Amino acid sequence: MSKVSKAAAVSLSVLAMTAIAGWPVYVAPKLDEPHAADAVVVLGGAHDGREEVGLDLMRRGYAPRIVFSNPYGNNDKKMRSICDGSFDFPVDCFIPSPSTTEGEGFEIERLARLHDWNTVIVVTFVPHISRARYIISRCYSGELLMVASRPELSLRTWAFNYVYQTAGYLRNLRAGC
């Protein structure tokens, strides 16, 4: 076997092991069955259906209020329509500081203390669930239920998320609340 084919075989093996190891973390993470909560909180990120999942949870009566993280500010048409929209339930929006999942965790804990929340349903998308649970559970001390949108993702997007979410875990090893 030539050096090139050995290198290719090793590279393919590493890629396969990475895909297998990441599968339960990024592709099939632990999701929670929603039940009655004090609030639904939708994390910021790509508009991948998470906003609709959060609004659906509200329409189904899981919580009395919904809170959206809006790291985009006033520059995002979708978030303006939600934050300034008219709904049959209270809708609040906040700009996380810092503009990261950790900043969202800080705000969830602050709001929970302010409003005496014991249970929060947090919505994000599938590849972010495990990392969001890890970060937010370090900040928020109440019951945390993680729910996800399930957008159709290309292989390229899955690969990007393996790298991005792994880097996020590494970045947050030293972070805390």
Protein backbone atom coordinates (compact mmCIF):
# COMPACT_ATOMS: atom_id res chain seq x y z
CA MET A 1 0.00 0.00 0.00
CA SER A 2 1.42 3.40 -0.93
CA LYS A 3 1.89 6.27 1.53
CA VAL A 4 -0.94 8.19 -0.16
CA SER A 5 -3.41 5.31 0.13
CA LYS A 6 -2.38 4.71 3.77
CA ALA A 7 -2.92 8.39 4.52
CA ALA A 8 -6.30 8.27 2.77
CA ALA A 9 -7.30 5.17 4.73
CA VAL A 10 -6.28 6.80 8.02
CA SER A 11 -8.15 9.99 7.10
CA LEU A 12 -11.30 8.04 6.23
CA SER A 13 -11.04 6.08 9.47
CA VAL A 14 -10.69 9.27 11.52
CA LEU A 15 -13.62 10.83 9.67
CA ALA A 16 -15.79 7.74 10.29
CA MET A 17 -14.86 7.61 13.99
CA THR A 18 -15.63 11.33 14.35
CA ALA A 19 -19.01 10.89 12.68
CA ILE A 20 -19.85 7.93 14.91
CA ALA A 21 -18.68 9.65 18.10
CA GLY A 22 -20.59 12.83 17.28
CA TRP A 23 -23.82 11.09 16.28
CA PRO A 24 -25.39 10.96 19.80
CA VAL A 25 -24.23 14.50 20.54
CA TYR A 26 -25.12 16.36 17.34
CA VAL A 27 -27.51 14.20 15.28
CA ALA A 28 -29.51 12.27 17.89
CA PRO A 29 -29.11 14.20 21.17
CA LYS A 30 -31.25 13.65 24.25
CA LEU A 31 -34.47 15.63 23.81
CA ASP A 32 -37.03 16.21 26.51
CA GLU A 33 -40.76 15.73 26.31
CA PRO A 34 -42.25 19.15 27.06
CA HIS A 35 -44.60 19.54 30.00
CA ALA A 36 -46.01 22.49 31.91
CA ALA A 37 -43.33 25.12 32.45
CA ASP A 38 -43.00 28.70 33.62
CA ALA A 39 -41.62 29.90 30.29
CA VAL A 40 -40.50 28.87 26.84
CA VAL A 41 -37.15 30.40 25.83
CA VAL A 42 -36.07 30.32 22.19
CA LEU A 43 -32.33 30.65 21.65
CA GLY A 44 -30.96 32.83 18.88
CA GLY A 45 -29.35 31.39 15.80
CA ALA A 46 -30.22 30.54 12.25
CA HIS A 47 -33.92 30.84 11.50
CA ASP A 48 -34.26 27.07 11.26
CA GLY A 49 -37.74 26.58 12.61
CA ARG A 50 -36.94 27.11 16.30
CA GLU A 51 -39.11 30.24 16.47
CA GLU A 52 -42.07 28.29 15.09
CA VAL A 53 -41.47 25.42 17.53
CA GLY A 54 -41.48 27.87 20.44
CA LEU A 55 -44.66 29.57 19.25
CA ASP A 56 -46.30 26.17 18.75
CA LEU A 57 -45.43 25.18 22.33
CA MET A 58 -47.14 28.36 23.50
CA ARG A 59 -50.24 27.74 21.38
CA ARG A 60 -50.40 24.25 22.90
CA GLY A 61 -50.38 25.78 26.40
CA TYR A 62 -47.08 24.57 27.80
CA ALA A 63 -46.20 27.90 29.43
CA PRO A 64 -47.75 31.31 30.15
CA ARG A 65 -44.98 33.28 28.40
CA ILE A 66 -42.32 33.01 25.73
CA VAL A 67 -38.96 34.74 25.61
CA PHE A 68 -36.84 35.06 22.46
CA SER A 69 -33.11 35.67 22.43
CA ASN A 70 -32.52 38.27 19.75
CA PRO A 71 -28.78 38.60 19.12
CA TYR A 72 -29.58 40.30 15.78
CA GLY A 73 -30.93 43.53 17.26
CA ASN A 74 -33.30 45.53 15.04
CA ASN A 75 -31.58 44.34 11.87
CA ASP A 76 -33.58 41.14 11.52
CA LYS A 77 -37.02 41.28 9.89
CA LYS A 78 -38.21 37.95 11.35
CA MET A 79 -37.27 38.90 14.90
CA ARG A 80 -38.86 42.35 14.52
CA SER A 81 -42.09 40.66 13.45
CA ILE A 82 -41.97 38.40 16.53
CA CYS A 83 -40.75 40.92 19.11
CA ASP A 84 -43.13 43.63 17.89
CA GLY A 85 -45.89 41.18 16.95
CA SER A 86 -49.31 40.66 18.42
CA PHE A 87 -49.93 37.30 20.07
CA ASP A 88 -52.47 35.84 22.49
CA PHE A 89 -49.73 35.38 25.07
CA PRO A 90 -46.87 37.49 26.44
CA VAL A 91 -43.79 37.66 24.19
CA ASP A 92 -40.54 39.13 25.47
CA CYS A 93 -37.23 39.54 23.66
CA PHE A 94 -33.73 40.18 24.94
CA ILE A 95 -30.31 40.78 23.48
CA PRO A 96 -27.89 38.33 25.14
CA SER A 97 -24.69 39.68 26.61
CA PRO A 98 -22.35 38.30 25.50
CA SER A 99 -24.07 37.35 22.26
CA THR A 100 -23.50 33.63 22.84
CA THR A 101 -25.29 30.64 24.35
CA GLU A 102 -23.53 31.50 27.60
CA GLY A 103 -25.04 35.01 27.46
CA GLU A 104 -28.43 33.38 26.91
CA GLY A 105 -27.81 31.17 29.95
CA PHE A 106 -27.02 34.24 32.07
CA GLU A 107 -30.28 35.85 30.98
CA ILE A 108 -32.36 32.71 31.57
CA GLU A 109 -31.05 32.52 35.13
CA ARG A 110 -31.64 36.27 35.67
CA LEU A 111 -35.23 36.01 34.40
CA ALA A 112 -35.84 32.85 36.42
CA ARG A 113 -34.78 34.58 39.63
CA LEU A 114 -36.77 37.71 38.77
CA HIS A 115 -39.98 35.81 37.93
CA ASP A 116 -39.52 32.80 40.27
CA TRP A 117 -39.39 30.28 37.42
CA ASN A 118 -38.80 26.65 38.33
CA THR A 119 -39.14 25.01 34.91
CA VAL A 120 -38.04 26.38 31.53
CA ILE A 121 -38.44 24.86 28.07
CA VAL A 122 -35.48 25.90 25.90
CA VAL A 123 -35.77 25.62 22.13
CA THR A 124 -32.87 25.47 19.68
CA PHE A 125 -32.04 23.20 16.74
CA VAL A 126 -30.84 19.60 16.89
CA PRO A 127 -27.04 20.02 16.47
CA HIS A 128 -27.01 22.67 19.24
CA ILE A 129 -29.12 20.79 21.82
CA SER A 130 -26.34 19.00 23.74
CA ARG A 131 -24.02 22.01 23.92
CA ALA A 132 -26.89 24.35 24.85
CA ARG A 133 -27.98 21.95 27.61
CA TYR A 134 -24.39 21.81 28.93
CA ILE A 135 -23.99 25.60 28.98
CA ILE A 136 -27.43 26.60 30.21
CA SER A 137 -27.49 23.97 32.95
CA ARG A 138 -24.35 25.60 34.33
CA CYS A 139 -26.25 28.89 34.58
CA TYR A 140 -29.85 27.94 35.28
CA SER A 141 -30.56 25.95 38.44
CA GLY A 142 -34.18 24.98 37.74
CA GLU A 143 -35.66 22.17 35.65
CA LEU A 144 -34.45 22.49 32.08
CA LEU A 145 -36.38 20.88 29.22
CA MET A 146 -34.60 20.93 25.86
CA VAL A 147 -36.73 20.86 22.69
CA ALA A 148 -35.46 21.15 19.12
CA SER A 149 -36.47 22.17 15.65
CA ARG A 150 -35.49 19.63 13.02
CA PRO A 151 -34.63 21.43 9.80
CA GLU A 152 -33.42 19.54 6.75
CA LEU A 153 -29.64 19.98 6.79
CA SER A 154 -27.20 19.24 4.01
CA LEU A 155 -24.20 17.01 4.61
CA ARG A 156 -22.03 20.12 4.43
CA THR A 157 -24.12 21.82 7.13
CA TRP A 158 -23.91 18.73 9.35
CA ALA A 159 -20.12 18.67 8.90
CA PHE A 160 -19.91 22.38 9.72
CA ASN A 161 -21.97 21.84 12.87
CA TYR A 162 -19.79 18.96 14.04
CA VAL A 163 -16.80 21.32 13.90
CA TYR A 164 -18.63 24.44 15.15
CA GLN A 165 -20.36 22.75 18.08
CA THR A 166 -17.20 20.90 19.11
CA ALA A 167 -15.27 24.18 19.08
CA GLY A 168 -18.07 25.68 21.16
CA TYR A 169 -17.73 22.93 23.76
CA LEU A 170 -13.98 23.56 23.94
CA ARG A 171 -14.52 27.32 24.20
CA ASN A 172 -16.99 26.83 27.06
CA LEU A 173 -14.87 24.45 29.15
CA ARG A 174 -13.56 27.42 31.11
CA ALA A 175 -16.69 29.53 30.89
CA GLY A 176 -19.16 29.50 33.69
CA CYS A 177 -22.03 31.25 35.34
